[in-house]
Amino acid sequence: MPTGSIGYVLDSCKVILDSTGIDETINCSSQLTDEQTLELQRLLSKYKECFSNGLYDLGFTNATEMVIELEDSEPVVYRPYRMSYTERQLVRDMIKEMADSGIIRESSSPYASPIVLVQKKTGEKRLCVDYRALNRKTKKTHYPLPRIEDQLDLLAGNTLFTSLDLASGYY
């Protein structure tokens, strides 16, 4: 890629990661030189623990604990929404996979919010929890968002950019 030009690193050529014994094909820009492609492969291999190997390979942190402050102490309890037999089977499978992966665990909380299945553009279903009732009771906190112009200024002088697909960001 010529110096000073802006391009996409991940676009159309292939990089094979085989350091774990599993070949992974990753799209990358055909504008990259062979040397840049090898460097990209080296970096992706070096930092492979930063990337997911599957839908439920999410990792976790215990660096902080989320505290949700409520306006009162009355628990929010909603009955489950009605689902078809097929949807219930799908939900059971999803919950089992998430439990087996350590994403969720059993709880005896006095709170209960219903789940919903949301159809993605691909036709697949995403398991979501309807927290609207809980959100209405949550104390409002205000965190100032940075100005978009200031954030764009931080990109000045850079020539390589990427975008990430952050799946399942709330669990």
N, C-alpha and C. Protein backbone atom coordinates (compact mmCIF):
# COMPACT_ATOMS: atom_id res chain seq x y z
N MET A 1 0.86 -1.17 0.00
CA MET A 1 0.00 0.00 0.00
C MET A 1 0.90 1.23 0.00
N PRO A 2 0.71 2.15 -0.91
CA PRO A 2 1.57 3.32 -0.98
C PRO A 2 1.50 4.15 0.30
N THR A 3 2.63 4.75 0.68
CA THR A 3 2.69 5.59 1.87
C THR A 3 1.74 6.77 1.70
N GLY A 4 1.00 7.08 2.76
CA GLY A 4 0.09 8.21 2.73
C GLY A 4 -1.28 7.88 2.19
N SER A 5 -1.47 6.67 1.65
CA SER A 5 -2.80 6.34 1.14
C SER A 5 -3.62 5.68 2.24
N ILE A 6 -4.91 5.82 2.14
CA ILE A 6 -5.81 5.21 3.10
C ILE A 6 -6.44 4.00 2.43
N GLY A 7 -6.38 2.87 3.09
CA GLY A 7 -6.95 1.66 2.53
C GLY A 7 -7.49 0.77 3.61
N TYR A 8 -8.08 -0.31 3.22
CA TYR A 8 -8.62 -1.27 4.16
C TYR A 8 -7.68 -2.45 4.25
N VAL A 9 -7.28 -2.80 5.45
CA VAL A 9 -6.38 -3.93 5.64
C VAL A 9 -7.11 -5.23 5.38
N LEU A 10 -8.30 -5.38 5.94
CA LEU A 10 -9.05 -6.61 5.76
C LEU A 10 -10.06 -6.43 4.65
N ASP A 11 -9.81 -7.08 3.50
CA ASP A 11 -10.69 -6.88 2.36
C ASP A 11 -10.76 -8.11 1.46
N SER A 12 -9.65 -8.50 0.78
CA SER A 12 -9.83 -9.52 -0.24
C SER A 12 -8.77 -10.60 -0.38
N CYS A 13 -7.58 -10.49 0.20
CA CYS A 13 -6.62 -11.59 0.08
C CYS A 13 -6.72 -12.49 1.30
N LYS A 14 -5.93 -13.53 1.38
CA LYS A 14 -6.07 -14.51 2.46
C LYS A 14 -4.82 -14.55 3.33
N VAL A 15 -5.03 -14.68 4.63
CA VAL A 15 -3.95 -14.91 5.59
C VAL A 15 -4.31 -16.18 6.33
N ILE A 16 -3.37 -17.11 6.42
CA ILE A 16 -3.62 -18.38 7.11
C ILE A 16 -2.90 -18.36 8.45
N LEU A 17 -3.65 -18.57 9.50
CA LEU A 17 -3.08 -18.69 10.84
C LEU A 17 -3.05 -20.17 11.20
N ASP A 18 -1.87 -20.71 11.41
CA ASP A 18 -1.80 -22.12 11.74
C ASP A 18 -0.97 -22.40 12.98
N SER A 19 -0.68 -21.39 13.77
CA SER A 19 0.15 -21.57 14.96
C SER A 19 -0.53 -22.41 16.03
N THR A 20 -1.84 -22.52 15.99
CA THR A 20 -2.56 -23.32 16.98
C THR A 20 -2.92 -24.69 16.44
N GLY A 21 -2.47 -24.98 15.22
CA GLY A 21 -2.83 -26.25 14.61
C GLY A 21 -4.14 -26.19 13.85
N ILE A 22 -4.81 -25.07 13.91
CA ILE A 22 -6.08 -24.89 13.19
C ILE A 22 -5.88 -23.79 12.16
N ASP A 23 -6.11 -24.11 10.91
CA ASP A 23 -5.98 -23.10 9.86
C ASP A 23 -7.18 -22.18 9.90
N GLU A 24 -6.93 -20.91 9.91
CA GLU A 24 -7.99 -19.91 9.88
C GLU A 24 -7.76 -19.04 8.66
N THR A 25 -8.78 -18.82 7.88
CA THR A 25 -8.67 -17.96 6.72
C THR A 25 -9.26 -16.61 7.08
N ILE A 26 -8.47 -15.57 6.86
CA ILE A 26 -8.89 -14.21 7.20
C ILE A 26 -8.75 -13.36 5.94
N ASN A 27 -9.77 -12.60 5.62
CA ASN A 27 -9.69 -11.71 4.47
C ASN A 27 -8.79 -10.54 4.78
N CYS A 28 -7.94 -10.17 3.83
CA CYS A 28 -7.12 -8.97 3.99
C CYS A 28 -7.00 -8.29 2.64
N SER A 29 -6.51 -7.09 2.64
CA SER A 29 -6.48 -6.28 1.43
C SER A 29 -5.47 -6.80 0.41
N SER A 30 -5.87 -6.84 -0.84
CA SER A 30 -4.96 -7.21 -1.91
C SER A 30 -3.94 -6.10 -2.16
N GLN A 31 -4.14 -4.94 -1.54
CA GLN A 31 -3.19 -3.84 -1.68
C GLN A 31 -1.96 -4.03 -0.82
N LEU A 32 -1.99 -5.00 0.11
CA LEU A 32 -0.85 -5.23 0.97
C LEU A 32 0.25 -5.95 0.20
N THR A 33 1.49 -5.58 0.50
CA THR A 33 2.63 -6.30 -0.07
C THR A 33 2.75 -7.65 0.63
N ASP A 34 3.56 -8.54 0.07
CA ASP A 34 3.80 -9.84 0.72
C ASP A 34 4.37 -9.63 2.11
N GLU A 35 5.25 -8.66 2.24
CA GLU A 35 5.87 -8.37 3.54
C GLU A 35 4.81 -7.89 4.55
N GLN A 36 3.90 -7.02 4.11
CA GLN A 36 2.84 -6.54 4.99
C GLN A 36 1.88 -7.66 5.37
N THR A 37 1.59 -8.55 4.43
CA THR A 37 0.72 -9.69 4.72
C THR A 37 1.35 -10.59 5.77
N LEU A 38 2.66 -10.86 5.64
CA LEU A 38 3.36 -11.67 6.64
C LEU A 38 3.37 -10.98 8.00
N GLU A 39 3.54 -9.67 8.01
CA GLU A 39 3.53 -8.92 9.27
C GLU A 39 2.14 -8.99 9.91
N LEU A 40 1.10 -8.87 9.10
CA LEU A 40 -0.27 -8.99 9.61
C LEU A 40 -0.49 -10.38 10.20
N GLN A 41 -0.02 -11.41 9.49
CA GLN A 41 -0.15 -12.78 9.98
C GLN A 41 0.58 -12.94 11.31
N ARG A 42 1.78 -12.37 11.41
CA ARG A 42 2.57 -12.45 12.64
C ARG A 42 1.84 -11.77 13.80
N LEU A 43 1.29 -10.59 13.55
CA LEU A 43 0.58 -9.86 14.60
C LEU A 43 -0.69 -10.58 15.04
N LEU A 44 -1.45 -11.10 14.08
CA LEU A 44 -2.67 -11.82 14.42
C LEU A 44 -2.35 -13.09 15.21
N SER A 45 -1.25 -13.74 14.85
CA SER A 45 -0.84 -14.94 15.58
C SER A 45 -0.36 -14.58 16.98
N LYS A 46 0.41 -13.51 17.10
CA LYS A 46 0.95 -13.08 18.39
C LYS A 46 -0.17 -12.71 19.36
N TYR A 47 -1.21 -12.07 18.86
CA TYR A 47 -2.30 -11.60 19.71
C TYR A 47 -3.57 -12.42 19.52
N LYS A 48 -3.43 -13.70 19.18
CA LYS A 48 -4.59 -14.54 18.89
C LYS A 48 -5.56 -14.65 20.06
N GLU A 49 -5.06 -14.49 21.29
CA GLU A 49 -5.95 -14.58 22.45
C GLU A 49 -6.93 -13.40 22.51
N CYS A 50 -6.70 -12.38 21.71
CA CYS A 50 -7.59 -11.22 21.67
C CYS A 50 -8.79 -11.46 20.75
N PHE A 51 -8.77 -12.55 20.00
CA PHE A 51 -9.81 -12.81 19.02
C PHE A 51 -10.59 -14.05 19.40
N SER A 52 -11.85 -14.04 19.09
CA SER A 52 -12.74 -15.17 19.38
C SER A 52 -12.52 -16.29 18.38
N ASN A 53 -12.61 -17.52 18.86
CA ASN A 53 -12.55 -18.68 17.98
C ASN A 53 -13.93 -19.26 17.70
N GLY A 54 -14.96 -18.65 18.24
CA GLY A 54 -16.31 -19.15 18.03
C GLY A 54 -17.33 -18.24 18.68
N LEU A 55 -18.59 -18.55 18.47
CA LEU A 55 -19.69 -17.72 18.94
C LEU A 55 -19.66 -17.49 20.45
N TYR A 56 -19.31 -18.51 21.22
CA TYR A 56 -19.34 -18.38 22.68
C TYR A 56 -17.95 -18.30 23.30
N ASP A 57 -16.93 -18.06 22.50
CA ASP A 57 -15.58 -17.87 23.00
C ASP A 57 -15.39 -16.38 23.24
N LEU A 58 -15.95 -15.90 24.35
CA LEU A 58 -16.02 -14.47 24.58
C LEU A 58 -14.96 -13.94 25.53
N GLY A 59 -14.46 -14.77 26.41
CA GLY A 59 -13.57 -14.27 27.45
C GLY A 59 -14.38 -13.51 28.49
N PHE A 60 -13.71 -13.03 29.50
CA PHE A 60 -14.40 -12.28 30.55
C PHE A 60 -13.38 -11.45 31.31
N THR A 61 -13.88 -10.59 32.14
CA THR A 61 -13.01 -9.80 33.01
C THR A 61 -13.62 -9.79 34.41
N ASN A 62 -12.76 -9.76 35.39
CA ASN A 62 -13.22 -9.56 36.76
C ASN A 62 -12.59 -8.29 37.32
N ALA A 63 -12.19 -7.40 36.40
CA ALA A 63 -11.55 -6.16 36.80
C ALA A 63 -12.52 -5.19 37.47
N THR A 64 -13.78 -5.33 37.18
CA THR A 64 -14.78 -4.44 37.77
C THR A 64 -16.10 -5.20 37.90
N GLU A 65 -16.94 -4.72 38.77
CA GLU A 65 -18.26 -5.32 38.94
C GLU A 65 -19.30 -4.26 38.64
N MET A 66 -20.28 -4.64 37.85
CA MET A 66 -21.35 -3.71 37.49
C MET A 66 -22.35 -3.60 38.62
N VAL A 67 -22.64 -2.38 39.02
CA VAL A 67 -23.65 -2.13 40.04
C VAL A 67 -24.75 -1.30 39.38
N ILE A 68 -25.97 -1.81 39.43
CA ILE A 68 -27.12 -1.10 38.86
C ILE A 68 -27.90 -0.51 40.01
N GLU A 69 -27.90 0.80 40.10
CA GLU A 69 -28.63 1.48 41.18
C GLU A 69 -30.08 1.68 40.74
N LEU A 70 -30.99 1.25 41.62
CA LEU A 70 -32.42 1.34 41.32
C LEU A 70 -33.09 2.42 42.16
N GLU A 71 -34.20 2.92 41.66
CA GLU A 71 -34.94 3.97 42.36
C GLU A 71 -35.66 3.45 43.59
N ASP A 72 -35.97 2.15 43.64
CA ASP A 72 -36.58 1.54 44.82
C ASP A 72 -36.08 0.10 44.93
N SER A 73 -36.46 -0.57 46.01
CA SER A 73 -35.94 -1.93 46.24
C SER A 73 -36.90 -3.03 45.81
N GLU A 74 -38.01 -2.68 45.20
CA GLU A 74 -38.98 -3.67 44.75
C GLU A 74 -38.45 -4.38 43.50
N PRO A 75 -38.26 -5.71 43.56
CA PRO A 75 -37.72 -6.44 42.40
C PRO A 75 -38.65 -6.37 41.19
N VAL A 76 -38.07 -6.37 40.02
CA VAL A 76 -38.82 -6.41 38.77
C VAL A 76 -39.03 -7.89 38.44
N VAL A 77 -40.29 -8.28 38.31
CA VAL A 77 -40.61 -9.68 38.01
C VAL A 77 -41.63 -9.71 36.88
N TYR A 78 -41.24 -10.27 35.75
CA TYR A 78 -42.14 -10.42 34.61
C TYR A 78 -42.19 -11.88 34.19
N ARG A 79 -43.36 -12.33 33.81
CA ARG A 79 -43.52 -13.70 33.33
C ARG A 79 -42.87 -13.84 31.95
N PRO A 80 -42.49 -15.07 31.61
CA PRO A 80 -41.92 -15.29 30.27
C PRO A 80 -42.94 -14.99 29.18
N TYR A 81 -42.45 -14.53 28.04
CA TYR A 81 -43.32 -14.35 26.88
C TYR A 81 -43.62 -15.72 26.27
N ARG A 82 -44.74 -15.80 25.61
CA ARG A 82 -45.14 -17.04 24.96
C ARG A 82 -44.23 -17.31 23.76
N MET A 83 -43.84 -18.59 23.60
CA MET A 83 -43.01 -19.00 22.47
C MET A 83 -43.55 -20.30 21.90
N SER A 84 -43.27 -20.51 20.63
CA SER A 84 -43.66 -21.77 19.99
C SER A 84 -42.76 -22.89 20.50
N TYR A 85 -43.16 -24.12 20.24
CA TYR A 85 -42.37 -25.28 20.65
C TYR A 85 -40.97 -25.20 20.03
N THR A 86 -40.89 -24.87 18.76
CA THR A 86 -39.60 -24.76 18.06
C THR A 86 -38.73 -23.70 18.71
N GLU A 87 -39.32 -22.56 19.04
CA GLU A 87 -38.55 -21.48 19.69
C GLU A 87 -38.06 -21.91 21.07
N ARG A 88 -38.91 -22.61 21.82
CA ARG A 88 -38.49 -23.08 23.15
C ARG A 88 -37.31 -24.05 23.05
N GLN A 89 -37.34 -24.92 22.05
CA GLN A 89 -36.23 -25.86 21.85
C GLN A 89 -34.95 -25.10 21.50
N LEU A 90 -35.07 -24.11 20.64
CA LEU A 90 -33.92 -23.29 20.25
C LEU A 90 -33.35 -22.56 21.47
N VAL A 91 -34.23 -21.99 22.28
CA VAL A 91 -33.80 -21.28 23.50
C VAL A 91 -33.10 -22.24 24.45
N ARG A 92 -33.65 -23.44 24.63
CA ARG A 92 -33.00 -24.44 25.50
C ARG A 92 -31.58 -24.74 25.02
N ASP A 93 -31.43 -24.93 23.71
CA ASP A 93 -30.11 -25.22 23.14
C ASP A 93 -29.15 -24.05 23.35
N MET A 94 -29.64 -22.82 23.12
CA MET A 94 -28.79 -21.63 23.29
C MET A 94 -28.37 -21.49 24.75
N ILE A 95 -29.30 -21.66 25.66
CA ILE A 95 -29.00 -21.53 27.09
C ILE A 95 -28.01 -22.60 27.52
N LYS A 96 -28.17 -23.82 27.04
CA LYS A 96 -27.24 -24.89 27.38
C LYS A 96 -25.83 -24.56 26.89
N GLU A 97 -25.73 -24.09 25.64
CA GLU A 97 -24.42 -23.73 25.09
C GLU A 97 -23.77 -22.61 25.89
N MET A 98 -24.56 -21.59 26.25
CA MET A 98 -24.01 -20.47 27.02
C MET A 98 -23.60 -20.92 28.41
N ALA A 99 -24.38 -21.79 29.04
CA ALA A 99 -24.03 -22.31 30.36
C ALA A 99 -22.77 -23.17 30.28
N ASP A 100 -22.70 -24.04 29.28
CA ASP A 100 -21.52 -24.89 29.11
C ASP A 100 -20.27 -24.07 28.84
N SER A 101 -20.43 -22.90 28.21
CA SER A 101 -19.30 -22.02 27.90
C SER A 101 -18.95 -21.08 29.04
N GLY A 102 -19.75 -21.08 30.11
CA GLY A 102 -19.47 -20.22 31.25
C GLY A 102 -19.96 -18.80 31.09
N ILE A 103 -20.77 -18.53 30.10
CA ILE A 103 -21.28 -17.18 29.87
C ILE A 103 -22.40 -16.86 30.85
N ILE A 104 -23.24 -17.85 31.13
CA ILE A 104 -24.33 -17.67 32.09
C ILE A 104 -24.26 -18.78 33.13
N ARG A 105 -24.96 -18.56 34.24
CA ARG A 105 -25.04 -19.58 35.29
C ARG A 105 -26.42 -19.48 35.93
N GLU A 106 -26.78 -20.53 36.65
CA GLU A 106 -28.07 -20.51 37.34
C GLU A 106 -28.06 -19.44 38.42
N SER A 107 -29.23 -18.88 38.67
CA SER A 107 -29.36 -17.82 39.65
C SER A 107 -30.67 -18.00 40.42
N SER A 108 -30.67 -17.54 41.66
CA SER A 108 -31.91 -17.56 42.44
C SER A 108 -32.32 -16.13 42.78
N SER A 109 -32.11 -15.23 41.85
CA SER A 109 -32.42 -13.82 42.03
C SER A 109 -33.93 -13.60 42.13
N PRO A 110 -34.35 -12.60 42.91
CA PRO A 110 -35.78 -12.26 42.96
C PRO A 110 -36.23 -11.52 41.70
N TYR A 111 -35.30 -11.14 40.83
CA TYR A 111 -35.63 -10.44 39.59
C TYR A 111 -35.85 -11.44 38.47
N ALA A 112 -36.77 -11.12 37.57
CA ALA A 112 -37.02 -11.97 36.41
C ALA A 112 -37.48 -11.11 35.25
N SER A 113 -36.75 -11.17 34.15
CA SER A 113 -37.12 -10.46 32.93
C SER A 113 -37.30 -11.48 31.82
N PRO A 114 -38.27 -11.25 30.94
CA PRO A 114 -38.54 -12.22 29.88
C PRO A 114 -37.48 -12.18 28.77
N ILE A 115 -37.33 -13.31 28.10
CA ILE A 115 -36.42 -13.36 26.97
C ILE A 115 -37.21 -13.26 25.68
N VAL A 116 -36.54 -12.81 24.64
CA VAL A 116 -37.14 -12.73 23.31
C VAL A 116 -36.11 -13.24 22.30
N LEU A 117 -36.60 -13.79 21.22
CA LEU A 117 -35.73 -14.17 20.11
C LEU A 117 -35.87 -13.11 19.03
N VAL A 118 -34.76 -12.54 18.63
CA VAL A 118 -34.76 -11.50 17.61
C VAL A 118 -34.10 -12.07 16.37
N GLN A 119 -34.75 -11.89 15.24
CA GLN A 119 -34.19 -12.42 13.99
C GLN A 119 -33.14 -11.46 13.45
N LYS A 120 -31.97 -12.02 13.14
CA LYS A 120 -30.89 -11.23 12.54
C LYS A 120 -31.14 -11.13 11.03
N LYS A 121 -30.34 -10.29 10.36
CA LYS A 121 -30.46 -10.15 8.91
C LYS A 121 -30.21 -11.47 8.20
N THR A 122 -29.37 -12.32 8.81
CA THR A 122 -29.02 -13.61 8.20
C THR A 122 -30.13 -14.64 8.37
N GLY A 123 -31.15 -14.32 9.15
CA GLY A 123 -32.22 -15.27 9.43
C GLY A 123 -32.01 -16.03 10.73
N GLU A 124 -30.79 -15.99 11.26
CA GLU A 124 -30.51 -16.63 12.54
C GLU A 124 -31.24 -15.89 13.65
N LYS A 125 -31.41 -16.55 14.78
CA LYS A 125 -32.07 -15.94 15.93
C LYS A 125 -31.04 -15.57 16.99
N ARG A 126 -31.24 -14.42 17.61
CA ARG A 126 -30.40 -13.96 18.71
C ARG A 126 -31.25 -13.96 19.97
N LEU A 127 -30.70 -14.51 21.04
CA LEU A 127 -31.38 -14.53 22.33
C LEU A 127 -31.14 -13.20 23.03
N CYS A 128 -32.22 -12.52 23.39
CA CYS A 128 -32.12 -11.23 24.08
C CYS A 128 -33.01 -11.27 25.32
N VAL A 129 -32.70 -10.40 26.27
CA VAL A 129 -33.52 -10.27 27.47
C VAL A 129 -34.20 -8.91 27.41
N ASP A 130 -35.49 -8.87 27.69
CA ASP A 130 -36.25 -7.62 27.66
C ASP A 130 -36.13 -6.95 29.03
N TYR A 131 -35.17 -6.05 29.16
CA TYR A 131 -34.92 -5.35 30.42
C TYR A 131 -35.62 -3.99 30.49
N ARG A 132 -36.60 -3.74 29.66
CA ARG A 132 -37.23 -2.42 29.66
C ARG A 132 -37.82 -2.05 31.02
N ALA A 133 -38.47 -3.00 31.70
CA ALA A 133 -39.06 -2.70 33.01
C ALA A 133 -37.96 -2.38 34.02
N LEU A 134 -36.88 -3.12 34.00
CA LEU A 134 -35.75 -2.85 34.89
C LEU A 134 -35.12 -1.50 34.55
N ASN A 135 -34.97 -1.21 33.27
CA ASN A 135 -34.39 0.07 32.84
C ASN A 135 -35.20 1.26 33.35
N ARG A 136 -36.53 1.11 33.40
CA ARG A 136 -37.37 2.22 33.89
C ARG A 136 -37.11 2.51 35.36
N LYS A 137 -36.66 1.51 36.12
CA LYS A 137 -36.40 1.69 37.55
C LYS A 137 -34.94 2.04 37.85
N THR A 138 -34.12 2.08 36.83
CA THR A 138 -32.69 2.33 37.02
C THR A 138 -32.45 3.83 37.19
N LYS A 139 -31.65 4.17 38.22
CA LYS A 139 -31.29 5.58 38.41
C LYS A 139 -30.48 6.03 37.20
N LYS A 140 -30.80 7.19 36.72
CA LYS A 140 -30.12 7.72 35.54
C LYS A 140 -28.76 8.28 35.92
N THR A 141 -27.76 7.87 35.20
CA THR A 141 -26.41 8.42 35.39
C THR A 141 -26.03 9.13 34.10
N HIS A 142 -25.20 10.12 34.22
CA HIS A 142 -24.83 10.91 33.06
C HIS A 142 -23.32 10.87 32.89
N TYR A 143 -22.91 10.32 31.78
CA TYR A 143 -21.50 10.30 31.42
C TYR A 143 -21.38 11.08 30.12
N PRO A 144 -20.57 12.14 30.12
CA PRO A 144 -20.46 12.93 28.90
C PRO A 144 -19.76 12.12 27.80
N LEU A 145 -20.37 12.09 26.63
CA LEU A 145 -19.75 11.44 25.48
C LEU A 145 -18.75 12.40 24.86
N PRO A 146 -17.65 11.87 24.35
CA PRO A 146 -16.69 12.76 23.68
C PRO A 146 -17.30 13.31 22.40
N ARG A 147 -16.83 14.48 22.02
CA ARG A 147 -17.30 15.10 20.78
C ARG A 147 -16.76 14.31 19.60
N ILE A 148 -17.59 14.06 18.59
CA ILE A 148 -17.17 13.28 17.43
C ILE A 148 -16.02 13.96 16.69
N GLU A 149 -16.03 15.29 16.65
CA GLU A 149 -14.95 16.02 15.97
C GLU A 149 -13.61 15.75 16.65
N ASP A 150 -13.60 15.71 17.99
CA ASP A 150 -12.37 15.43 18.72
C ASP A 150 -11.88 14.01 18.44
N GLN A 151 -12.80 13.07 18.35
CA GLN A 151 -12.43 11.69 18.07
C GLN A 151 -11.86 11.55 16.66
N LEU A 152 -12.46 12.24 15.70
CA LEU A 152 -11.96 12.20 14.33
C LEU A 152 -10.58 12.84 14.24
N ASP A 153 -10.35 13.91 15.00
CA ASP A 153 -9.03 14.55 15.02
C ASP A 153 -7.95 13.58 15.48
N LEU A 154 -8.29 12.66 16.37
CA LEU A 154 -7.32 11.68 16.86
C LEU A 154 -6.85 10.73 15.77
N LEU A 155 -7.62 10.62 14.69
CA LEU A 155 -7.26 9.73 13.59
C LEU A 155 -6.32 10.39 12.58
N ALA A 156 -6.11 11.70 12.70
CA ALA A 156 -5.29 12.43 11.74
C ALA A 156 -3.90 11.81 11.63
N GLY A 157 -3.44 11.65 10.40
CA GLY A 157 -2.10 11.12 10.15
C GLY A 157 -2.04 9.61 10.05
N ASN A 158 -3.10 8.93 10.42
CA ASN A 158 -3.12 7.47 10.30
C ASN A 158 -3.50 7.07 8.88
N THR A 159 -2.97 5.93 8.43
CA THR A 159 -3.25 5.48 7.07
C THR A 159 -3.94 4.13 7.01
N LEU A 160 -3.89 3.36 8.08
CA LEU A 160 -4.54 2.05 8.09
C LEU A 160 -5.68 2.06 9.10
N PHE A 161 -6.84 1.57 8.67
CA PHE A 161 -8.01 1.55 9.52
C PHE A 161 -8.67 0.18 9.41
N THR A 162 -9.41 -0.19 10.42
CA THR A 162 -10.15 -1.44 10.38
C THR A 162 -11.49 -1.25 11.07
N SER A 163 -12.39 -2.14 10.82
CA SER A 163 -13.65 -2.15 11.54
C SER A 163 -13.81 -3.52 12.18
N LEU A 164 -14.49 -3.57 13.30
CA LEU A 164 -14.68 -4.81 14.03
C LEU A 164 -16.15 -5.11 14.17
N ASP A 165 -16.48 -6.38 14.14
CA ASP A 165 -17.85 -6.81 14.40
C ASP A 165 -17.89 -7.31 15.82
N LEU A 166 -18.48 -6.55 16.71
CA LEU A 166 -18.55 -6.92 18.12
C LEU A 166 -19.87 -7.63 18.37
N ALA A 167 -19.83 -8.93 18.31
CA ALA A 167 -21.04 -9.74 18.49
C ALA A 167 -21.30 -9.97 19.97
N SER A 168 -22.56 -10.03 20.32
CA SER A 168 -22.98 -10.38 21.68
C SER A 168 -22.31 -9.51 22.73
N GLY A 169 -22.34 -8.23 22.52
CA GLY A 169 -21.63 -7.30 23.39
C GLY A 169 -22.16 -7.14 24.79
N TYR A 170 -23.34 -7.66 25.09
CA TYR A 170 -23.91 -7.45 26.41
C TYR A 170 -23.85 -8.66 27.31
N TYR A 171 -23.14 -9.69 26.91
CA TYR A 171 -22.89 -10.81 27.82
C TYR A 171 -21.58 -11.46 27.48
